[in-house]
Amino acid sequence: MRHVHRLPQSPALFIALSLFAALGSACGPTNYYVQEMKIDAEQHLIPVGSKSLSHPAADSYYMFFHTATKLTIVDHFAKQAGSADVRELLYLEADQDRLERTVRTDEIVTGPFGAVVAEKTCFYNRPIENYLSSVKVLIQSANPEIGREIPDPVSEAPTHVPPLTSAAIVRLFNADSELVFGSGNYDADGTLGSINHGHIVNADLKPGSSTVLPRAPDFLEIRQASGLPPRFEIEDYLHSKRMPLLGSSSSKEPTFVILVYGFGKLIRLDSLDNGVVISSRYLKPVATEEEKILGPECDEHLQRQQSTGRSTVW
């Protein structure tokens, strides 16, 4: 599978893009902001409205960036209710102007341990055998340069929920002046599909953190060190509201269980103390206009992966 790395998002990047755009073309800027975007039947990303080198004075807008390798990078930024900060709602990437993938990152909970996030990656116009979509739980720094989308809290446990599509167990251990973490991502049948592991210092992710798959030679060692079970008996957990924990920590570091429904349409966050659920809350991620268009196709890809035995949390 070919992986395309995301460009860093920082004030320096915005300045560089503006300078590049100003020097780019006599026909107009190639890197710019617009207030709207549409997606045509062939899944081309089309800017709508006037193009500007500075972001519009609006609560929602898009940044287009064209690379030398013919990639089109689009970031959908918006101000969410209750926050004055601009947050990234969706990242889109097109090859030859035709959509290739989207990435949405939902911030579930933050604290001295950093941020627990759910990252949904969807591929389009690529063979599903080689380009697997996924929904996995990761640990990131608590304060990124560009804020992440924050799902809306659900005041009461919903009566009807979409099917459970994946789950994650997040373990944290105190090690001197840092925290060691392991986030085990499990498919709906309880199979462990990947582990995100690394170190956090002062709520910041240290370099070297990574996600490993079961075929990695050190996977078993990482799983055991992270205190993660080889399988997640999800039905037993939901019935008993407790989980036998492997390993122990020297201080009262939290353990989280994240249940993902409908490939990210609804998320449940459980906090555990000594393996017992002490609180639960539901979160509903924001669905952008472009996701309403693309979502059914993405979910269909994930359902096909499940039906053929491919992981959706790799």
C-alpha atoms as a PDB file:
ATOM      1  CA  MET A   1       0.000   0.000   0.000  1.00  0.00           C
ATOM      2  CA  ARG A   2       1.243   3.474  -0.818  1.00  0.00           C
ATOM      3  CA  HIS A   3       1.091   5.855   2.127  1.00  0.00           C
ATOM      4  CA  VAL A   4       1.007   9.602   1.546  1.00  0.00           C
ATOM      5  CA  HIS A   5       2.176  11.623   4.531  1.00  0.00           C
ATOM      6  CA  ARG A   6       0.175  14.630   5.565  1.00  0.00           C
ATOM      7  CA  LEU A   7       1.833  18.002   5.312  1.00  0.00           C
ATOM      8  CA  PRO A   8       2.627  19.653   8.648  1.00  0.00           C
ATOM      9  CA  GLN A   9       0.075  22.215   9.740  1.00  0.00           C
ATOM     10  CA  SER A  10       1.761  25.179  11.384  1.00  0.00           C
ATOM     11  CA  PRO A  11       1.911  28.975  11.088  1.00  0.00           C
ATOM     12  CA  ALA A  12       5.142  28.580   9.120  1.00  0.00           C
ATOM     13  CA  LEU A  13       3.307  26.402   6.605  1.00  0.00           C
ATOM     14  CA  PHE A  14       0.564  28.975   6.099  1.00  0.00           C
ATOM     15  CA  ILE A  15       3.181  31.690   5.480  1.00  0.00           C
ATOM     16  CA  ALA A  16       5.023  29.468   3.022  1.00  0.00           C
ATOM     17  CA  LEU A  17       1.807  28.633   1.178  1.00  0.00           C
ATOM     18  CA  SER A  18       0.896  32.289   0.898  1.00  0.00           C
ATOM     19  CA  LEU A  19       4.295  33.214  -0.500  1.00  0.00           C
ATOM     20  CA  PHE A  20       4.206  30.292  -2.915  1.00  0.00           C
ATOM     21  CA  ALA A  21       0.715  31.227  -4.048  1.00  0.00           C
ATOM     22  CA  ALA A  22       1.669  34.870  -4.568  1.00  0.00           C
ATOM     23  CA  LEU A  23       4.570  33.859  -6.789  1.00  0.00           C
ATOM     24  CA  GLY A  24       2.836  30.908  -8.419  1.00  0.00           C
ATOM     25  CA  SER A  25       0.839  31.852 -11.494  1.00  0.00           C
ATOM     26  CA  ALA A  26      -0.157  34.787 -13.590  1.00  0.00           C
ATOM     27  CA  CYS A  27      -3.582  33.166 -13.913  1.00  0.00           C
ATOM     28  CA  GLY A  28      -4.218  33.323 -10.194  1.00  0.00           C
ATOM     29  CA  PRO A  29      -3.093  31.669  -7.000  1.00  0.00           C
ATOM     30  CA  THR A  30      -2.645  27.903  -6.878  1.00  0.00           C
ATOM     31  CA  ASN A  31      -2.834  27.768  -3.074  1.00  0.00           C
ATOM     32  CA  TYR A  32      -5.693  29.620  -1.459  1.00  0.00           C
ATOM     33  CA  TYR A  33      -8.690  29.758   0.880  1.00  0.00           C
ATOM     34  CA  VAL A  34     -12.346  29.574  -0.148  1.00  0.00           C
ATOM     35  CA  GLN A  35     -15.564  29.562   1.843  1.00  0.00           C
ATOM     36  CA  GLU A  36     -17.173  26.615   0.056  1.00  0.00           C
ATOM     37  CA  MET A  37     -16.289  23.440  -1.811  1.00  0.00           C
ATOM     38  CA  LYS A  38     -18.292  21.008  -3.897  1.00  0.00           C
ATOM     39  CA  ILE A  39     -17.643  17.411  -4.938  1.00  0.00           C
ATOM     40  CA  ASP A  40     -18.808  16.412  -8.413  1.00  0.00           C
ATOM     41  CA  ALA A  41     -19.978  13.007  -9.637  1.00  0.00           C
ATOM     42  CA  GLU A  42     -16.374  11.969 -10.422  1.00  0.00           C
ATOM     43  CA  GLN A  43     -15.300  13.064  -6.920  1.00  0.00           C
ATOM     44  CA  HIS A  44     -13.249  16.058  -7.985  1.00  0.00           C
ATOM     45  CA  LEU A  45     -12.735  18.648  -5.250  1.00  0.00           C
ATOM     46  CA  ILE A  46     -13.947  21.960  -6.664  1.00  0.00           C
ATOM     47  CA  PRO A  47     -13.440  25.293  -4.862  1.00  0.00           C
ATOM     48  CA  VAL A  48     -16.486  27.572  -4.822  1.00  0.00           C
ATOM     49  CA  GLY A  49     -16.336  31.357  -4.525  1.00  0.00           C
ATOM     50  CA  SER A  50     -13.495  33.849  -4.563  1.00  0.00           C
ATOM     51  CA  LYS A  51      -9.979  32.638  -3.782  1.00  0.00           C
ATOM     52  CA  SER A  52      -7.982  34.427  -1.107  1.00  0.00           C
ATOM     53  CA  LEU A  53      -4.428  34.224   0.218  1.00  0.00           C
ATOM     54  CA  SER A  54      -5.748  34.757   3.751  1.00  0.00           C
ATOM     55  CA  HIS A  55      -8.522  32.821   5.401  1.00  0.00           C
ATOM     56  CA  PRO A  56     -12.026  34.326   5.170  1.00  0.00           C
ATOM     57  CA  ALA A  57     -13.675  36.025   8.121  1.00  0.00           C
ATOM     58  CA  ALA A  58     -16.102  33.116   8.378  1.00  0.00           C
ATOM     59  CA  ASP A  59     -16.830  30.308  10.805  1.00  0.00           C
ATOM     60  CA  SER A  60     -16.137  27.664   8.137  1.00  0.00           C
ATOM     61  CA  TYR A  61     -13.717  27.642   5.222  1.00  0.00           C
ATOM     62  CA  TYR A  62     -11.382  25.464   3.136  1.00  0.00           C
ATOM     63  CA  MET A  63      -7.667  25.695   2.426  1.00  0.00           C
ATOM     64  CA  PHE A  64      -6.533  24.325  -0.961  1.00  0.00           C
ATOM     65  CA  PHE A  65      -2.879  23.446  -1.508  1.00  0.00           C
ATOM     66  CA  HIS A  66      -1.494  21.952  -4.734  1.00  0.00           C
ATOM     67  CA  THR A  67       1.782  20.049  -4.515  1.00  0.00           C
ATOM     68  CA  ALA A  68       4.454  19.634  -7.174  1.00  0.00           C
ATOM     69  CA  THR A  69       3.492  15.949  -7.427  1.00  0.00           C
ATOM     70  CA  LYS A  70      -0.074  16.788  -8.550  1.00  0.00           C
ATOM     71  CA  LEU A  71      -1.685  16.168  -5.178  1.00  0.00           C
ATOM     72  CA  THR A  72      -4.428  18.499  -4.035  1.00  0.00           C
ATOM     73  CA  ILE A  73      -4.607  18.911  -0.267  1.00  0.00           C
ATOM     74  CA  VAL A  74      -7.790  20.380   1.218  1.00  0.00           C
ATOM     75  CA  ASP A  75      -8.366  21.162   4.887  1.00  0.00           C
ATOM     76  CA  HIS A  76     -11.841  22.040   6.145  1.00  0.00           C
ATOM     77  CA  PHE A  77     -11.487  24.424   9.098  1.00  0.00           C
ATOM     78  CA  ALA A  78     -14.276  25.739  11.299  1.00  0.00           C
ATOM     79  CA  LYS A  79     -15.050  27.329  14.632  1.00  0.00           C
ATOM     80  CA  GLN A  80     -17.119  24.993  16.761  1.00  0.00           C
ATOM     81  CA  ALA A  81     -19.761  26.103  19.225  1.00  0.00           C
ATOM     82  CA  GLY A  82     -18.282  27.014  22.577  1.00  0.00           C
ATOM     83  CA  SER A  83     -14.757  27.473  21.247  1.00  0.00           C
ATOM     84  CA  ALA A  84     -13.048  30.488  19.724  1.00  0.00           C
ATOM     85  CA  ASP A  85     -10.329  28.309  18.209  1.00  0.00           C
ATOM     86  CA  VAL A  86     -10.318  27.201  14.602  1.00  0.00           C
ATOM     87  CA  ARG A  87     -10.439  23.419  14.356  1.00  0.00           C
ATOM     88  CA  GLU A  88      -9.824  20.980  11.535  1.00  0.00           C
ATOM     89  CA  LEU A  89     -13.035  19.108  10.746  1.00  0.00           C
ATOM     90  CA  LEU A  90     -11.770  17.080   7.793  1.00  0.00           C
ATOM     91  CA  TYR A  91      -8.644  16.501   5.731  1.00  0.00           C
ATOM     92  CA  LEU A  92      -9.070  15.565   2.052  1.00  0.00           C
ATOM     93  CA  GLU A  93      -6.440  14.474  -0.444  1.00  0.00           C
ATOM     94  CA  ALA A  94      -6.896  14.191  -4.199  1.00  0.00           C
ATOM     95  CA  ASP A  95      -4.571  12.717  -6.828  1.00  0.00           C
ATOM     96  CA  GLN A  96      -4.811  14.494 -10.180  1.00  0.00           C
ATOM     97  CA  ASP A  97      -7.700  16.445  -8.597  1.00  0.00           C
ATOM     98  CA  ARG A  98      -9.713  13.239  -7.984  1.00  0.00           C
ATOM     99  CA  LEU A  99     -10.389  12.296  -4.368  1.00  0.00           C
ATOM    100  CA  GLU A 100      -8.082   9.630  -2.939  1.00  0.00           C
ATOM    101  CA  ARG A 101      -8.636   9.738   0.818  1.00  0.00           C
ATOM    102  CA  THR A 102     -10.145  11.593   3.739  1.00  0.00           C
ATOM    103  CA  VAL A 103      -9.034  11.690   7.381  1.00  0.00           C
ATOM    104  CA  ARG A 104     -11.169  12.795  10.305  1.00  0.00           C
ATOM    105  CA  THR A 105      -9.774  13.034  13.831  1.00  0.00           C
ATOM    106  CA  ASP A 106     -12.227  13.211  16.741  1.00  0.00           C
ATOM    107  CA  GLU A 107     -10.884  14.329  20.125  1.00  0.00           C
ATOM    108  CA  ILE A 108     -12.431  12.016  22.731  1.00  0.00           C
ATOM    109  CA  VAL A 109     -10.739  13.039  25.988  1.00  0.00           C
ATOM    110  CA  THR A 110      -7.659  15.019  27.046  1.00  0.00           C
ATOM    111  CA  GLY A 111      -5.542  15.245  30.188  1.00  0.00           C
ATOM    112  CA  PRO A 112      -1.969  14.887  31.454  1.00  0.00           C
ATOM    113  CA  PHE A 113      -1.873  11.699  29.359  1.00  0.00           C
ATOM    114  CA  GLY A 114      -2.286  13.714  26.157  1.00  0.00           C
ATOM    115  CA  ALA A 115      -5.324  13.269  23.928  1.00  0.00           C
ATOM    116  CA  VAL A 116      -7.239  10.107  23.137  1.00  0.00           C
ATOM    117  CA  VAL A 117      -8.555  10.461  19.580  1.00  0.00           C
ATOM    118  CA  ALA A 118     -10.498   8.398  17.063  1.00  0.00           C
ATOM    119  CA  GLU A 119      -9.025   8.638  13.573  1.00  0.00           C
ATOM    120  CA  LYS A 120     -11.165   7.589  10.603  1.00  0.00           C
ATOM    121  CA  THR A 121      -9.333   7.163   7.292  1.00  0.00           C
ATOM    122  CA  CYS A 122     -11.279   6.439   4.110  1.00  0.00           C
ATOM    123  CA  PHE A 123      -9.943   5.640   0.624  1.00  0.00           C
ATOM    124  CA  TYR A 124     -11.724   6.346  -2.647  1.00  0.00           C
ATOM    125  CA  ASN A 125     -11.109   5.465  -6.293  1.00  0.00           C
ATOM    126  CA  ARG A 126      -8.534   2.874  -5.255  1.00  0.00           C
ATOM    127  CA  PRO A 127      -8.737  -0.952  -5.138  1.00  0.00           C
ATOM    128  CA  ILE A 128     -10.033  -2.003  -1.724  1.00  0.00           C
ATOM    129  CA  GLU A 129      -7.618  -4.958  -1.717  1.00  0.00           C
ATOM    130  CA  ASN A 130      -4.639  -2.599  -1.425  1.00  0.00           C
ATOM    131  CA  TYR A 131      -6.135   0.503   0.201  1.00  0.00           C
ATOM    132  CA  LEU A 132      -7.826  -0.381   3.475  1.00  0.00           C
ATOM    133  CA  SER A 133      -9.978   2.173   5.265  1.00  0.00           C
ATOM    134  CA  SER A 134      -9.861   2.197   9.060  1.00  0.00           C
ATOM    135  CA  VAL A 135     -11.187   3.601  12.338  1.00  0.00           C
ATOM    136  CA  LYS A 136      -8.660   3.409  15.146  1.00  0.00           C
ATOM    137  CA  VAL A 137      -7.996   5.007  18.517  1.00  0.00           C
ATOM    138  CA  LEU A 138      -4.660   6.790  18.999  1.00  0.00           C
ATOM    139  CA  ILE A 139      -2.847   8.878  21.584  1.00  0.00           C
ATOM    140  CA  GLN A 140      -1.687  12.324  20.445  1.00  0.00           C
ATOM    141  CA  SER A 141      -0.410  15.505  22.072  1.00  0.00           C
ATOM    142  CA  ALA A 142      -3.021  17.381  24.081  1.00  0.00           C
ATOM    143  CA  ASN A 143      -2.349  20.733  22.389  1.00  0.00           C
ATOM    144  CA  PRO A 144      -1.798  20.414  18.620  1.00  0.00           C
ATOM    145  CA  GLU A 145      -0.938  23.434  16.463  1.00  0.00           C
ATOM    146  CA  ILE A 146      -4.348  23.146  14.792  1.00  0.00           C
ATOM    147  CA  GLY A 147      -7.227  22.051  17.021  1.00  0.00           C
ATOM    148  CA  ARG A 148      -9.004  18.764  16.399  1.00  0.00           C
ATOM    149  CA  GLU A 149     -12.742  18.375  15.898  1.00  0.00           C
ATOM    150  CA  ILE A 150     -14.584  17.873  19.194  1.00  0.00           C
ATOM    151  CA  PRO A 151     -17.659  15.617  19.019  1.00  0.00           C
ATOM    152  CA  ASP A 152     -20.931  16.809  20.515  1.00  0.00           C
ATOM    153  CA  PRO A 153     -21.762  15.283  23.919  1.00  0.00           C
ATOM    154  CA  VAL A 154     -24.946  13.208  24.095  1.00  0.00           C
ATOM    155  CA  SER A 155     -26.768  14.123  27.306  1.00  0.00           C
ATOM    156  CA  GLU A 156     -28.464  10.748  27.767  1.00  0.00           C
ATOM    157  CA  ALA A 157     -27.592   7.236  26.668  1.00  0.00           C
ATOM    158  CA  PRO A 158     -29.280   6.831  23.261  1.00  0.00           C
ATOM    159  CA  THR A 159     -32.098   4.334  22.966  1.00  0.00           C
ATOM    160  CA  HIS A 160     -31.032   3.194  19.521  1.00  0.00           C
ATOM    161  CA  VAL A 161     -27.381   2.967  18.525  1.00  0.00           C
ATOM    162  CA  PRO A 162     -25.724   1.844  15.282  1.00  0.00           C
ATOM    163  CA  PRO A 163     -24.007  -1.566  15.274  1.00  0.00           C
ATOM    164  CA  LEU A 164     -20.772  -1.803  17.240  1.00  0.00           C
ATOM    165  CA  THR A 165     -17.975  -1.788  14.636  1.00  0.00           C
ATOM    166  CA  SER A 166     -14.781  -1.655  16.741  1.00  0.00           C
ATOM    167  CA  ALA A 167     -13.439  -1.024  20.232  1.00  0.00           C
ATOM    168  CA  ALA A 168     -10.238   0.086  21.921  1.00  0.00           C
ATOM    169  CA  ILE A 169      -8.584  -0.366  25.313  1.00  0.00           C
ATOM    170  CA  VAL A 170      -6.219   2.436  26.373  1.00  0.00           C
ATOM    171  CA  ARG A 171      -3.693   1.612  29.108  1.00  0.00           C
ATOM    172  CA  LEU A 172      -1.358   4.138  30.761  1.00  0.00           C
ATOM    173  CA  PHE A 173       1.571   3.419  33.064  1.00  0.00           C
ATOM    174  CA  ASN A 174       3.744   5.820  35.035  1.00  0.00           C
ATOM    175  CA  ALA A 175       7.463   5.505  34.256  1.00  0.00           C
ATOM    176  CA  ASP A 176       9.574   8.089  36.100  1.00  0.00           C
ATOM    177  CA  SER A 177       8.747  11.503  34.581  1.00  0.00           C
ATOM    178  CA  GLU A 178       6.774  10.154  31.631  1.00  0.00           C
ATOM    179  CA  LEU A 179       3.756   8.013  30.822  1.00  0.00           C
ATOM    180  CA  VAL A 180       3.970   4.856  28.761  1.00  0.00           C
ATOM    181  CA  PHE A 181       0.799   4.122  26.795  1.00  0.00           C
ATOM    182  CA  GLY A 182      -0.693   1.350  24.725  1.00  0.00           C
ATOM    183  CA  SER A 183      -3.938   1.685  22.788  1.00  0.00           C
ATOM    184  CA  GLY A 184      -5.177  -1.688  21.595  1.00  0.00           C
ATOM    185  CA  ASN A 185      -7.583  -1.508  18.656  1.00  0.00           C
ATOM    186  CA  TYR A 186      -9.980  -4.428  18.345  1.00  0.00           C
ATOM    187  CA  ASP A 187     -12.317  -5.357  15.507  1.00  0.00           C
ATOM    188  CA  ALA A 188     -15.987  -5.966  16.286  1.00  0.00           C
ATOM    189  CA  ASP A 189     -15.349  -9.698  16.810  1.00  0.00           C
ATOM    190  CA  GLY A 190     -12.761  -8.926  19.516  1.00  0.00           C
ATOM    191  CA  THR A 191      -9.662  -9.577  17.391  1.00  0.00           C
ATOM    192  CA  LEU A 192      -6.706  -7.326  18.194  1.00  0.00           C
ATOM    193  CA  GLY A 193      -5.859  -5.523  14.948  1.00  0.00           C
ATOM    194  CA  SER A 194      -3.226  -2.957  15.971  1.00  0.00           C
ATOM    195  CA  ILE A 195      -1.530  -1.292  18.927  1.00  0.00           C
ATOM    196  CA  ASN A 196      -0.629   2.379  19.121  1.00  0.00           C
ATOM    197  CA  HIS A 197       2.157   2.709  21.694  1.00  0.00           C
ATOM    198  CA  GLY A 198       4.727   5.212  22.888  1.00  0.00           C
ATOM    199  CA  HIS A 199       5.519   7.799  25.546  1.00  0.00           C
ATOM    200  CA  ILE A 200       3.895  11.014  26.794  1.00  0.00           C
ATOM    201  CA  VAL A 201       5.730  13.787  28.658  1.00  0.00           C
ATOM    202  CA  ASN A 202       3.767  16.776  30.002  1.00  0.00           C
ATOM    203  CA  ALA A 203       0.801  15.826  27.770  1.00  0.00           C
ATOM    204  CA  ASP A 204       3.010  15.863  24.641  1.00  0.00           C
ATOM    205  CA  LEU A 205       3.637  12.846  22.446  1.00  0.00           C
ATOM    206  CA  LYS A 206       7.317  11.925  22.300  1.00  0.00           C
ATOM    207  CA  PRO A 207       8.994  11.098  18.953  1.00  0.00           C
ATOM    208  CA  GLY A 208       9.166   7.396  18.214  1.00  0.00           C
ATOM    209  CA  SER A 209       5.561   6.561  19.036  1.00  0.00           C
ATOM    210  CA  SER A 210       4.050   4.243  16.431  1.00  0.00           C
ATOM    211  CA  THR A 211       1.293   1.806  15.488  1.00  0.00           C
ATOM    212  CA  VAL A 212       2.233  -1.859  15.108  1.00  0.00           C
ATOM    213  CA  LEU A 213       0.314  -4.699  13.456  1.00  0.00           C
ATOM    214  CA  PRO A 214       0.076  -8.340  14.568  1.00  0.00           C
ATOM    215  CA  ARG A 215       2.631  -9.489  11.992  1.00  0.00           C
ATOM    216  CA  ALA A 216       5.345  -7.231  13.479  1.00  0.00           C
ATOM    217  CA  PRO A 217       8.085  -9.300  15.185  1.00  0.00           C
ATOM    218  CA  ASP A 218       7.771  -7.354  18.460  1.00  0.00           C
ATOM    219  CA  PHE A 219       3.952  -7.279  18.523  1.00  0.00           C
ATOM    220  CA  LEU A 220       3.595  -9.843  21.333  1.00  0.00           C
ATOM    221  CA  GLU A 221       6.194  -8.063  23.460  1.00  0.00           C
ATOM    222  CA  ILE A 222       4.467  -4.694  22.967  1.00  0.00           C
ATOM    223  CA  ARG A 223       1.052  -6.164  23.746  1.00  0.00           C
ATOM    224  CA  GLN A 224       2.257  -7.711  26.991  1.00  0.00           C
ATOM    225  CA  ALA A 225       4.142  -4.561  28.035  1.00  0.00           C
ATOM    226  CA  SER A 226       0.995  -2.509  27.333  1.00  0.00           C
ATOM    227  CA  GLY A 227      -1.163  -4.737  29.534  1.00  0.00           C
ATOM    228  CA  LEU A 228      -3.576  -5.504  26.685  1.00  0.00           C
ATOM    229  CA  PRO A 229      -5.531  -8.760  26.327  1.00  0.00           C
ATOM    230  CA  PRO A 230      -5.012 -10.811  23.144  1.00  0.00           C
ATOM    231  CA  ARG A 231      -8.786 -10.667  22.586  1.00  0.00           C
ATOM    232  CA  PHE A 232     -11.449  -8.277  23.816  1.00  0.00           C
ATOM    233  CA  GLU A 233     -14.531 -10.198  24.924  1.00  0.00           C
ATOM    234  CA  ILE A 234     -16.780  -7.240  24.230  1.00  0.00           C
ATOM    235  CA  GLU A 235     -20.117  -8.864  25.091  1.00  0.00           C
ATOM    236  CA  ASP A 236     -18.787 -10.048  28.450  1.00  0.00           C
ATOM    237  CA  TYR A 237     -17.459  -6.560  29.150  1.00  0.00           C
ATOM    238  CA  LEU A 238     -20.758  -4.882  28.288  1.00  0.00           C
ATOM    239  CA  HIS A 239     -22.646  -7.315  30.513  1.00  0.00           C
ATOM    240  CA  SER A 240     -20.334  -7.205  33.549  1.00  0.00           C
ATOM    241  CA  LYS A 241     -19.098  -3.594  33.217  1.00  0.00           C
ATOM    242  CA  ARG A 242     -15.654  -4.724  34.268  1.00  0.00           C
ATOM    243  CA  MET A 243     -12.437  -5.981  32.715  1.00  0.00           C
ATOM    244  CA  PRO A 244      -9.598  -8.014  34.209  1.00  0.00           C
ATOM    245  CA  LEU A 245      -6.506  -5.850  33.711  1.00  0.00           C
ATOM    246  CA  LEU A 246      -3.101  -7.263  32.875  1.00  0.00           C
ATOM    247  CA  GLY A 247      -0.072  -5.712  34.542  1.00  0.00           C
ATOM    248  CA  SER A 248      -0.191  -2.935  37.103  1.00  0.00           C
ATOM    249  CA  SER A 249       0.822   0.697  37.382  1.00  0.00           C
ATOM    250  CA  SER A 250       2.663   2.392  40.209  1.00  0.00           C
ATOM    251  CA  SER A 251       0.128   5.215  40.382  1.00  0.00           C
ATOM    252  CA  LYS A 252      -3.549   5.792  39.649  1.00  0.00           C
ATOM    253  CA  GLU A 253      -3.303   6.216  35.905  1.00  0.00           C
ATOM    254  CA  PRO A 254      -6.606   5.983  34.038  1.00  0.00           C
ATOM    255  CA  THR A 255      -7.746   3.136  31.829  1.00  0.00           C
ATOM    256  CA  PHE A 256     -10.219   3.890  29.047  1.00  0.00           C
ATOM    257  CA  VAL A 257     -12.431   1.726  26.880  1.00  0.00           C
ATOM    258  CA  ILE A 258     -13.731   3.301  23.680  1.00  0.00           C
ATOM    259  CA  LEU A 259     -16.635   1.684  21.850  1.00  0.00           C
ATOM    260  CA  VAL A 260     -17.154   2.787  18.239  1.00  0.00           C
ATOM    261  CA  TYR A 261     -20.576   2.433  16.642  1.00  0.00           C
ATOM    262  CA  GLY A 262     -21.438   2.729  12.951  1.00  0.00           C
ATOM    263  CA  PHE A 263     -17.777   3.278  11.976  1.00  0.00           C
ATOM    264  CA  GLY A 264     -17.619   6.456  14.017  1.00  0.00           C
ATOM    265  CA  LYS A 265     -21.162   7.805  13.906  1.00  0.00           C
ATOM    266  CA  LEU A 266     -21.341   7.388  17.694  1.00  0.00           C
ATOM    267  CA  ILE A 267     -18.580   6.877  20.276  1.00  0.00           C
ATOM    268  CA  ARG A 268     -18.856   5.698  23.875  1.00  0.00           C
ATOM    269  CA  LEU A 269     -16.108   6.541  26.350  1.00  0.00           C
ATOM    270  CA  ASP A 270     -15.815   4.413  29.495  1.00  0.00           C
ATOM    271  CA  SER A 271     -13.455   5.295  32.345  1.00  0.00           C
ATOM    272  CA  LEU A 272     -12.264   2.367  34.483  1.00  0.00           C
ATOM    273  CA  ASP A 273     -10.845   2.150  37.998  1.00  0.00           C
ATOM    274  CA  ASN A 274      -9.198  -1.165  38.915  1.00  0.00           C
ATOM    275  CA  GLY A 275     -10.960  -2.738  35.958  1.00  0.00           C
ATOM    276  CA  VAL A 276     -14.450  -1.524  36.908  1.00  0.00           C
ATOM    277  CA  VAL A 277     -16.417   0.989  34.819  1.00  0.00           C
ATOM    278  CA  ILE A 278     -16.936   4.130  36.912  1.00  0.00           C
ATOM    279  CA  SER A 279     -18.377   6.421  34.219  1.00  0.00           C
ATOM    280  CA  SER A 280     -19.682   6.287  30.652  1.00  0.00           C
ATOM    281  CA  ARG A 281     -20.585   8.985  28.189  1.00  0.00           C
ATOM    282  CA  TYR A 282     -21.571   9.119  24.532  1.00  0.00           C
ATOM    283  CA  LEU A 283     -20.168  11.454  21.880  1.00  0.00           C
ATOM    284  CA  LYS A 284     -21.519  12.234  18.414  1.00  0.00           C
ATOM    285  CA  PRO A 285     -18.911  13.424  15.876  1.00  0.00           C
ATOM    286  CA  VAL A 286     -19.765  16.351  13.610  1.00  0.00           C
ATOM    287  CA  ALA A 287     -20.726  15.337  10.054  1.00  0.00           C
ATOM    288  CA  THR A 288     -19.604  17.920   7.480  1.00  0.00           C
ATOM    289  CA  GLU A 289     -21.475  18.437   4.225  1.00  0.00           C
ATOM    290  CA  GLU A 290     -18.750  16.631   2.303  1.00  0.00           C
ATOM    291  CA  GLU A 291     -18.882  13.676   4.700  1.00  0.00           C
ATOM    292  CA  LYS A 292     -22.633  13.394   4.155  1.00  0.00           C
ATOM    293  CA  ILE A 293     -21.838  12.894   0.464  1.00  0.00           C
ATOM    294  CA  LEU A 294     -18.840  10.590   0.910  1.00  0.00           C
ATOM    295  CA  GLY A 295     -19.835   8.747   4.086  1.00  0.00           C
ATOM    296  CA  PRO A 296     -21.994   5.993   2.525  1.00  0.00           C
ATOM    297  CA  GLU A 297     -19.169   4.971   0.185  1.00  0.00           C
ATOM    298  CA  CYS A 298     -16.620   4.940   3.002  1.00  0.00           C
ATOM    299  CA  ASP A 299     -18.885   2.847   5.238  1.00  0.00           C
ATOM    300  CA  GLU A 300     -19.521   0.448   2.351  1.00  0.00           C
ATOM    301  CA  HIS A 301     -15.756  -0.064   1.973  1.00  0.00           C
ATOM    302  CA  LEU A 302     -15.424  -0.766   5.701  1.00  0.00           C
ATOM    303  CA  GLN A 303     -18.355  -3.188   5.620  1.00  0.00           C
ATOM    304  CA  ARG A 304     -16.735  -5.043   2.703  1.00  0.00           C
ATOM    305  CA  GLN A 305     -13.507  -5.278   4.666  1.00  0.00           C
ATOM    306  CA  GLN A 306     -15.378  -6.778   7.609  1.00  0.00           C
ATOM    307  CA  SER A 307     -17.289  -9.261   5.438  1.00  0.00           C
ATOM    308  CA  THR A 308     -14.051 -10.528   3.861  1.00  0.00           C
ATOM    309  CA  GLY A 309     -12.188 -10.831   7.150  1.00  0.00           C
ATOM    310  CA  ARG A 310      -9.978  -7.772   6.716  1.00  0.00           C
ATOM    311  CA  SER A 311      -9.350  -5.606   9.751  1.00  0.00           C
ATOM    312  CA  THR A 312     -10.910  -2.136  10.015  1.00  0.00           C
ATOM    313  CA  VAL A 313      -8.569  -1.033  12.826  1.00  0.00           C
ATOM    314  CA  TRP A 314      -5.170  -1.786  11.247  1.00  0.00           C
END
